[in-house]
Amino acid sequence: MLYDAGCPLCTHVRDWLARRPQLVPLEFVPAGSPAAQARFPGLDHRTTLDEITVVGSGGQVYRGAAAWIVTLWALRDHRRVAHRLSTPSGMRFAKGAVLAAAKWRGATTARRGRVHRSGEGWTYDPRDGWHYTPPGCGSDACAAP
């Protein structure tokens, strides 16, 4: 699991996960670090700082809500929850939880003076707040009037 070592929420969750009984061993690597870049050379490391990223033992890459679900699946006491979250209605809940965490993370990161991209199209800029860019809308072509 790649996590933002400069984010209080991320390090808290990493510590919580490390204390849970695991059915599948979890390893925690600071996102964007030299260790992460050496271990996962094909990954877009800038993106790993924007949203939670989990790399499976077979090289599978999970991001956002799917990453949280696969992480919970690795925990002995949370595998049932992971199965529920993997359903269509559960995935909507998981995405909402990820967005809420990203919003909190972005707000706390912004207080430390850093512009933060939270994934799922949301960007937080401490100068003017949250912005949403739909997928494929990198220009003003998708801007609302």
N, C-alpha and C. Protein backbone atom coordinates (compact mmCIF):
# COMPACT_ATOMS: atom_id res chain seq x y z
N MET A 1 0.85 -1.16 0.00
CA MET A 1 0.00 0.00 0.00
C MET A 1 0.89 1.23 0.00
N LEU A 2 0.61 2.13 -0.94
CA LEU A 2 1.34 3.39 -0.99
C LEU A 2 0.51 4.42 -0.24
N TYR A 3 1.16 5.20 0.60
CA TYR A 3 0.45 6.20 1.40
C TYR A 3 1.27 7.47 1.44
N ASP A 4 0.60 8.60 1.68
CA ASP A 4 1.25 9.91 1.76
C ASP A 4 1.82 10.07 3.17
N ALA A 5 3.12 9.95 3.30
CA ALA A 5 3.77 10.04 4.62
C ALA A 5 3.67 11.43 5.23
N GLY A 6 3.32 12.44 4.42
CA GLY A 6 3.17 13.80 4.93
C GLY A 6 1.75 14.15 5.32
N CYS A 7 0.84 13.18 5.26
CA CYS A 7 -0.58 13.40 5.56
C CYS A 7 -0.93 12.75 6.89
N PRO A 8 -1.42 13.54 7.86
CA PRO A 8 -1.77 12.96 9.17
C PRO A 8 -2.83 11.87 9.07
N LEU A 9 -3.84 12.05 8.23
CA LEU A 9 -4.88 11.03 8.07
C LEU A 9 -4.28 9.75 7.50
N CYS A 10 -3.45 9.89 6.49
CA CYS A 10 -2.85 8.73 5.83
C CYS A 10 -1.97 7.93 6.80
N THR A 11 -1.17 8.61 7.59
CA THR A 11 -0.30 7.90 8.53
C THR A 11 -1.11 7.28 9.66
N HIS A 12 -2.20 7.94 10.06
CA HIS A 12 -3.08 7.36 11.09
C HIS A 12 -3.70 6.06 10.57
N VAL A 13 -4.22 6.10 9.34
CA VAL A 13 -4.83 4.90 8.76
C VAL A 13 -3.78 3.81 8.57
N ARG A 14 -2.58 4.18 8.13
CA ARG A 14 -1.50 3.19 7.99
C ARG A 14 -1.23 2.51 9.34
N ASP A 15 -1.14 3.30 10.41
CA ASP A 15 -0.88 2.73 11.74
C ASP A 15 -2.03 1.82 12.18
N TRP A 16 -3.27 2.25 11.91
CA TRP A 16 -4.44 1.44 12.27
C TRP A 16 -4.42 0.12 11.51
N LEU A 17 -4.14 0.17 10.22
CA LEU A 17 -4.09 -1.05 9.41
C LEU A 17 -2.98 -1.99 9.89
N ALA A 18 -1.84 -1.43 10.26
CA ALA A 18 -0.70 -2.24 10.69
C ALA A 18 -1.02 -3.01 11.98
N ARG A 19 -1.92 -2.47 12.80
CA ARG A 19 -2.28 -3.12 14.07
C ARG A 19 -3.37 -4.18 13.91
N ARG A 20 -4.03 -4.24 12.77
CA ARG A 20 -5.12 -5.20 12.54
C ARG A 20 -4.55 -6.56 12.15
N PRO A 21 -5.23 -7.65 12.59
CA PRO A 21 -4.83 -8.98 12.13
C PRO A 21 -5.04 -9.08 10.61
N GLN A 22 -4.03 -9.57 9.91
CA GLN A 22 -4.06 -9.60 8.44
C GLN A 22 -4.08 -11.03 7.92
N LEU A 23 -4.98 -11.28 6.98
CA LEU A 23 -4.99 -12.56 6.28
C LEU A 23 -4.02 -12.52 5.11
N VAL A 24 -3.85 -11.34 4.55
CA VAL A 24 -2.87 -11.11 3.49
C VAL A 24 -1.94 -10.02 4.02
N PRO A 25 -0.65 -10.30 4.10
CA PRO A 25 0.27 -9.30 4.66
C PRO A 25 0.26 -7.99 3.88
N LEU A 26 0.15 -6.90 4.61
CA LEU A 26 0.19 -5.57 4.01
C LEU A 26 1.57 -4.96 4.25
N GLU A 27 2.11 -4.35 3.22
CA GLU A 27 3.36 -3.61 3.34
C GLU A 27 3.06 -2.17 3.00
N PHE A 28 3.63 -1.25 3.76
CA PHE A 28 3.35 0.17 3.58
C PHE A 28 4.60 0.87 3.07
N VAL A 29 4.43 1.56 1.95
CA VAL A 29 5.54 2.25 1.30
C VAL A 29 5.13 3.70 1.10
N PRO A 30 5.95 4.66 1.55
CA PRO A 30 5.60 6.07 1.32
C PRO A 30 5.49 6.36 -0.18
N ALA A 31 4.36 6.93 -0.56
CA ALA A 31 4.11 7.26 -1.98
C ALA A 31 5.12 8.30 -2.45
N GLY A 32 5.61 8.12 -3.67
CA GLY A 32 6.55 9.06 -4.27
C GLY A 32 7.96 8.96 -3.74
N SER A 33 8.20 8.07 -2.79
CA SER A 33 9.53 7.94 -2.19
C SER A 33 10.48 7.20 -3.13
N PRO A 34 11.79 7.34 -2.89
CA PRO A 34 12.74 6.55 -3.69
C PRO A 34 12.46 5.04 -3.59
N ALA A 35 12.03 4.58 -2.40
CA ALA A 35 11.72 3.16 -2.23
C ALA A 35 10.54 2.75 -3.12
N ALA A 36 9.52 3.60 -3.20
CA ALA A 36 8.36 3.31 -4.04
C ALA A 36 8.74 3.31 -5.51
N GLN A 37 9.57 4.27 -5.90
CA GLN A 37 9.98 4.37 -7.30
C GLN A 37 10.84 3.17 -7.71
N ALA A 38 11.69 2.71 -6.79
CA ALA A 38 12.53 1.55 -7.10
C ALA A 38 11.70 0.26 -7.15
N ARG A 39 10.74 0.15 -6.24
CA ARG A 39 9.95 -1.07 -6.14
C ARG A 39 8.90 -1.18 -7.26
N PHE A 40 8.34 -0.03 -7.67
CA PHE A 40 7.29 -0.01 -8.69
C PHE A 40 7.66 0.97 -9.80
N PRO A 41 8.66 0.64 -10.61
CA PRO A 41 9.15 1.59 -11.62
C PRO A 41 8.12 1.95 -12.69
N GLY A 42 7.14 1.11 -12.95
CA GLY A 42 6.16 1.39 -13.99
C GLY A 42 4.98 2.22 -13.53
N LEU A 43 4.93 2.56 -12.27
CA LEU A 43 3.80 3.32 -11.71
C LEU A 43 3.95 4.81 -11.94
N ASP A 44 2.84 5.50 -12.08
CA ASP A 44 2.84 6.97 -12.14
C ASP A 44 2.87 7.44 -10.68
N HIS A 45 4.04 7.77 -10.19
CA HIS A 45 4.21 8.08 -8.76
C HIS A 45 3.57 9.40 -8.35
N ARG A 46 3.38 10.29 -9.27
CA ARG A 46 2.67 11.54 -8.95
C ARG A 46 1.22 11.22 -8.59
N THR A 47 0.62 10.30 -9.34
CA THR A 47 -0.76 9.90 -9.07
C THR A 47 -0.89 9.22 -7.72
N THR A 48 0.13 8.48 -7.30
CA THR A 48 0.04 7.79 -6.01
C THR A 48 -0.03 8.76 -4.84
N LEU A 49 0.43 9.98 -5.04
CA LEU A 49 0.29 11.00 -4.00
C LEU A 49 -1.10 11.63 -4.03
N ASP A 50 -1.81 11.48 -5.14
CA ASP A 50 -3.14 12.07 -5.28
C ASP A 50 -4.23 11.19 -4.70
N GLU A 51 -4.09 9.88 -4.81
CA GLU A 51 -5.12 8.98 -4.31
C GLU A 51 -4.49 7.68 -3.84
N ILE A 52 -5.18 7.04 -2.89
CA ILE A 52 -4.67 5.79 -2.35
C ILE A 52 -4.44 4.80 -3.48
N THR A 53 -3.30 4.14 -3.43
CA THR A 53 -2.93 3.16 -4.45
C THR A 53 -2.42 1.91 -3.74
N VAL A 54 -2.92 0.77 -4.17
CA VAL A 54 -2.48 -0.52 -3.64
C VAL A 54 -1.99 -1.35 -4.82
N VAL A 55 -0.82 -1.96 -4.65
CA VAL A 55 -0.28 -2.85 -5.68
C VAL A 55 -0.31 -4.26 -5.12
N GLY A 56 -0.99 -5.15 -5.82
CA GLY A 56 -1.10 -6.54 -5.40
C GLY A 56 0.18 -7.30 -5.68
N SER A 57 0.28 -8.49 -5.09
CA SER A 57 1.48 -9.31 -5.25
C SER A 57 1.70 -9.73 -6.70
N GLY A 58 0.64 -9.74 -7.50
CA GLY A 58 0.76 -10.09 -8.91
C GLY A 58 0.91 -8.87 -9.82
N GLY A 59 1.09 -7.70 -9.21
CA GLY A 59 1.28 -6.47 -9.99
C GLY A 59 -0.02 -5.72 -10.28
N GLN A 60 -1.17 -6.21 -9.79
CA GLN A 60 -2.43 -5.51 -9.99
C GLN A 60 -2.35 -4.15 -9.28
N VAL A 61 -2.94 -3.12 -9.90
CA VAL A 61 -2.95 -1.79 -9.31
C VAL A 61 -4.39 -1.40 -9.02
N TYR A 62 -4.66 -1.07 -7.77
CA TYR A 62 -5.99 -0.63 -7.33
C TYR A 62 -5.86 0.82 -6.87
N ARG A 63 -6.83 1.64 -7.23
CA ARG A 63 -6.83 3.05 -6.83
C ARG A 63 -8.18 3.42 -6.23
N GLY A 64 -8.19 4.46 -5.41
CA GLY A 64 -9.43 5.00 -4.87
C GLY A 64 -10.21 3.98 -4.06
N ALA A 65 -11.53 3.92 -4.31
CA ALA A 65 -12.41 3.03 -3.54
C ALA A 65 -11.99 1.57 -3.67
N ALA A 66 -11.59 1.15 -4.87
CA ALA A 66 -11.16 -0.25 -5.05
C ALA A 66 -9.95 -0.57 -4.18
N ALA A 67 -9.06 0.41 -4.00
CA ALA A 67 -7.88 0.19 -3.15
C ALA A 67 -8.30 0.01 -1.69
N TRP A 68 -9.26 0.81 -1.23
CA TRP A 68 -9.74 0.64 0.15
C TRP A 68 -10.39 -0.72 0.32
N ILE A 69 -11.18 -1.14 -0.65
CA ILE A 69 -11.88 -2.42 -0.54
C ILE A 69 -10.88 -3.57 -0.50
N VAL A 70 -9.89 -3.56 -1.37
CA VAL A 70 -8.91 -4.65 -1.38
C VAL A 70 -8.08 -4.63 -0.10
N THR A 71 -7.85 -3.46 0.47
CA THR A 71 -7.11 -3.38 1.73
C THR A 71 -7.94 -3.98 2.86
N LEU A 72 -9.23 -3.63 2.92
CA LEU A 72 -10.09 -4.21 3.96
C LEU A 72 -10.20 -5.73 3.78
N TRP A 73 -10.20 -6.19 2.53
CA TRP A 73 -10.27 -7.62 2.23
C TRP A 73 -9.07 -8.36 2.83
N ALA A 74 -7.93 -7.68 2.92
CA ALA A 74 -6.72 -8.31 3.47
C ALA A 74 -6.78 -8.48 4.99
N LEU A 75 -7.70 -7.78 5.64
CA LEU A 75 -7.80 -7.82 7.11
C LEU A 75 -8.77 -8.91 7.56
N ARG A 76 -8.36 -9.66 8.56
CA ARG A 76 -9.19 -10.76 9.06
C ARG A 76 -10.58 -10.30 9.49
N ASP A 77 -10.64 -9.21 10.25
CA ASP A 77 -11.92 -8.77 10.82
C ASP A 77 -12.75 -7.90 9.88
N HIS A 78 -12.27 -7.63 8.68
CA HIS A 78 -12.98 -6.73 7.78
C HIS A 78 -13.26 -7.33 6.40
N ARG A 79 -13.00 -8.60 6.24
CA ARG A 79 -13.21 -9.22 4.92
C ARG A 79 -14.70 -9.21 4.53
N ARG A 80 -15.59 -9.44 5.50
CA ARG A 80 -17.03 -9.40 5.21
C ARG A 80 -17.45 -8.03 4.71
N VAL A 81 -16.95 -6.99 5.38
CA VAL A 81 -17.25 -5.62 4.97
C VAL A 81 -16.75 -5.38 3.55
N ALA A 82 -15.56 -5.86 3.25
CA ALA A 82 -15.00 -5.69 1.91
C ALA A 82 -15.90 -6.34 0.86
N HIS A 83 -16.43 -7.51 1.16
CA HIS A 83 -17.33 -8.18 0.21
C HIS A 83 -18.60 -7.34 0.00
N ARG A 84 -19.14 -6.76 1.08
CA ARG A 84 -20.33 -5.92 0.93
C ARG A 84 -20.03 -4.67 0.13
N LEU A 85 -18.86 -4.08 0.35
CA LEU A 85 -18.49 -2.86 -0.37
C LEU A 85 -18.21 -3.12 -1.84
N SER A 86 -17.93 -4.35 -2.20
CA SER A 86 -17.63 -4.66 -3.60
C SER A 86 -18.88 -4.79 -4.46
N THR A 87 -20.06 -4.73 -3.86
CA THR A 87 -21.31 -4.75 -4.62
C THR A 87 -21.55 -3.36 -5.23
N PRO A 88 -22.44 -3.24 -6.21
CA PRO A 88 -22.69 -1.91 -6.79
C PRO A 88 -23.11 -0.86 -5.76
N SER A 89 -24.03 -1.21 -4.85
CA SER A 89 -24.44 -0.22 -3.85
C SER A 89 -23.33 0.02 -2.83
N GLY A 90 -22.59 -1.00 -2.49
CA GLY A 90 -21.47 -0.83 -1.57
C GLY A 90 -20.37 0.02 -2.17
N MET A 91 -20.14 -0.12 -3.47
CA MET A 91 -19.12 0.67 -4.15
C MET A 91 -19.48 2.15 -4.11
N ARG A 92 -20.77 2.48 -4.25
CA ARG A 92 -21.18 3.89 -4.14
C ARG A 92 -20.85 4.43 -2.76
N PHE A 93 -21.09 3.63 -1.73
CA PHE A 93 -20.76 4.04 -0.36
C PHE A 93 -19.25 4.21 -0.21
N ALA A 94 -18.49 3.24 -0.72
CA ALA A 94 -17.03 3.30 -0.62
C ALA A 94 -16.48 4.54 -1.33
N LYS A 95 -17.02 4.85 -2.51
CA LYS A 95 -16.56 6.04 -3.24
C LYS A 95 -16.87 7.30 -2.45
N GLY A 96 -18.05 7.34 -1.82
CA GLY A 96 -18.40 8.49 -0.99
C GLY A 96 -17.45 8.64 0.19
N ALA A 97 -17.10 7.52 0.81
CA ALA A 97 -16.16 7.57 1.93
C ALA A 97 -14.78 8.04 1.48
N VAL A 98 -14.34 7.58 0.31
CA VAL A 98 -13.04 8.00 -0.22
C VAL A 98 -13.06 9.50 -0.53
N LEU A 99 -14.14 9.98 -1.12
CA LEU A 99 -14.24 11.42 -1.41
C LEU A 99 -14.25 12.25 -0.13
N ALA A 100 -14.96 11.78 0.90
CA ALA A 100 -14.98 12.50 2.17
C ALA A 100 -13.58 12.55 2.79
N ALA A 101 -12.89 11.41 2.75
CA ALA A 101 -11.53 11.39 3.28
C ALA A 101 -10.61 12.30 2.47
N ALA A 102 -10.79 12.30 1.15
CA ALA A 102 -9.96 13.15 0.30
C ALA A 102 -10.23 14.62 0.59
N LYS A 103 -11.49 14.95 0.83
CA LYS A 103 -11.82 16.34 1.14
C LYS A 103 -11.17 16.77 2.45
N TRP A 104 -11.27 15.92 3.48
CA TRP A 104 -10.65 16.24 4.76
C TRP A 104 -9.14 16.32 4.59
N ARG A 105 -8.59 15.36 3.87
CA ARG A 105 -7.15 15.33 3.63
C ARG A 105 -6.70 16.59 2.88
N GLY A 106 -7.44 16.96 1.86
CA GLY A 106 -7.11 18.15 1.10
C GLY A 106 -7.16 19.40 1.94
N ALA A 107 -8.16 19.50 2.81
CA ALA A 107 -8.28 20.69 3.66
C ALA A 107 -7.13 20.76 4.66
N THR A 108 -6.75 19.63 5.25
CA THR A 108 -5.65 19.67 6.22
C THR A 108 -4.32 19.87 5.52
N THR A 109 -4.17 19.29 4.32
CA THR A 109 -2.94 19.48 3.56
C THR A 109 -2.81 20.92 3.12
N ALA A 110 -3.95 21.51 2.72
CA ALA A 110 -3.94 22.91 2.28
C ALA A 110 -3.52 23.84 3.41
N ARG A 111 -3.91 23.51 4.63
CA ARG A 111 -3.51 24.35 5.77
C ARG A 111 -1.99 24.34 5.92
N ARG A 112 -1.37 23.30 5.43
CA ARG A 112 0.10 23.25 5.48
C ARG A 112 0.69 23.90 4.24
N GLY A 113 -0.17 24.53 3.39
CA GLY A 113 0.31 25.32 2.27
C GLY A 113 0.60 24.55 1.01
N ARG A 114 -0.04 23.42 0.79
CA ARG A 114 0.24 22.59 -0.37
C ARG A 114 -1.03 22.42 -1.19
N VAL A 115 -0.97 22.64 -2.48
CA VAL A 115 -2.10 22.34 -3.35
C VAL A 115 -2.18 20.82 -3.45
N HIS A 116 -3.38 20.29 -3.32
CA HIS A 116 -3.52 18.84 -3.26
C HIS A 116 -4.54 18.35 -4.27
N ARG A 117 -4.16 17.35 -5.05
CA ARG A 117 -5.11 16.69 -5.95
C ARG A 117 -5.60 15.46 -5.22
N SER A 118 -6.92 15.35 -5.07
CA SER A 118 -7.48 14.28 -4.26
C SER A 118 -8.01 13.10 -5.05
N GLY A 119 -7.88 13.08 -6.35
CA GLY A 119 -8.38 11.97 -7.13
C GLY A 119 -9.86 12.15 -7.45
N GLU A 120 -10.41 11.24 -8.26
CA GLU A 120 -11.81 11.28 -8.63
C GLU A 120 -12.21 12.62 -9.24
N GLY A 121 -11.26 13.41 -9.77
CA GLY A 121 -11.58 14.66 -10.43
C GLY A 121 -11.58 15.88 -9.52
N TRP A 122 -11.40 15.71 -8.23
CA TRP A 122 -11.44 16.83 -7.29
C TRP A 122 -10.05 17.36 -7.02
N THR A 123 -9.92 18.67 -6.99
CA THR A 123 -8.66 19.33 -6.69
C THR A 123 -8.92 20.39 -5.62
N TYR A 124 -8.06 20.46 -4.63
CA TYR A 124 -8.19 21.51 -3.61
C TYR A 124 -7.03 22.48 -3.75
N ASP A 125 -7.36 23.75 -3.86
CA ASP A 125 -6.36 24.80 -3.91
C ASP A 125 -6.63 25.73 -2.73
N PRO A 126 -5.66 25.95 -1.84
CA PRO A 126 -5.91 26.76 -0.65
C PRO A 126 -6.32 28.20 -0.98
N ARG A 127 -6.02 28.65 -2.18
CA ARG A 127 -6.39 30.03 -2.54
C ARG A 127 -7.87 30.17 -2.87
N ASP A 128 -8.47 29.12 -3.49
CA ASP A 128 -9.88 29.27 -3.88
C ASP A 128 -10.73 28.02 -3.72
N GLY A 129 -10.30 27.05 -2.93
CA GLY A 129 -11.14 25.91 -2.56
C GLY A 129 -11.14 24.75 -3.53
N TRP A 130 -12.24 23.98 -3.49
CA TRP A 130 -12.37 22.74 -4.25
C TRP A 130 -12.85 23.00 -5.67
N HIS A 131 -12.35 22.19 -6.61
CA HIS A 131 -12.76 22.24 -8.01
C HIS A 131 -12.94 20.82 -8.51
N TYR A 132 -13.94 20.61 -9.37
CA TYR A 132 -14.16 19.31 -9.95
C TYR A 132 -13.94 19.37 -11.46
N THR A 133 -13.15 18.45 -11.99
CA THR A 133 -12.93 18.33 -13.43
C THR A 133 -13.36 16.93 -13.83
N PRO A 134 -14.44 16.81 -14.64
CA PRO A 134 -14.87 15.48 -15.08
C PRO A 134 -13.77 14.80 -15.88
N PRO A 135 -13.76 13.46 -15.91
CA PRO A 135 -12.76 12.75 -16.70
C PRO A 135 -12.78 13.22 -18.15
N GLY A 136 -11.61 13.45 -18.72
CA GLY A 136 -11.49 13.86 -20.10
C GLY A 136 -11.67 15.36 -20.32
N CYS A 137 -11.82 16.12 -19.25
CA CYS A 137 -12.03 17.57 -19.38
C CYS A 137 -10.82 18.30 -18.83
N GLY A 138 -9.76 18.32 -19.58
CA GLY A 138 -8.55 19.00 -19.13
C GLY A 138 -8.46 20.44 -19.59
N SER A 139 -9.48 20.92 -20.30
CA SER A 139 -9.43 22.29 -20.81
C SER A 139 -10.70 23.01 -20.40
N ASP A 140 -10.88 24.24 -20.91
CA ASP A 140 -12.07 25.02 -20.61
C ASP A 140 -13.30 24.52 -21.40
N ALA A 141 -13.12 23.52 -22.25
CA ALA A 141 -14.22 23.02 -23.08
C ALA A 141 -15.36 22.47 -22.23
N CYS A 142 -15.07 22.01 -21.02
CA CYS A 142 -16.10 21.42 -20.17
C CYS A 142 -16.55 22.39 -19.07
N ALA A 143 -16.03 23.59 -19.05
CA ALA A 143 -16.35 24.54 -17.99
C ALA A 143 -17.83 24.95 -18.06
N ALA A 144 -18.43 25.10 -16.89
CA ALA A 144 -19.82 25.58 -16.82
C ALA A 144 -19.84 27.08 -17.10
N PRO A 145 -20.92 27.55 -17.77
CA PRO A 145 -20.99 28.98 -18.08
C PRO A 145 -21.16 29.81 -16.82
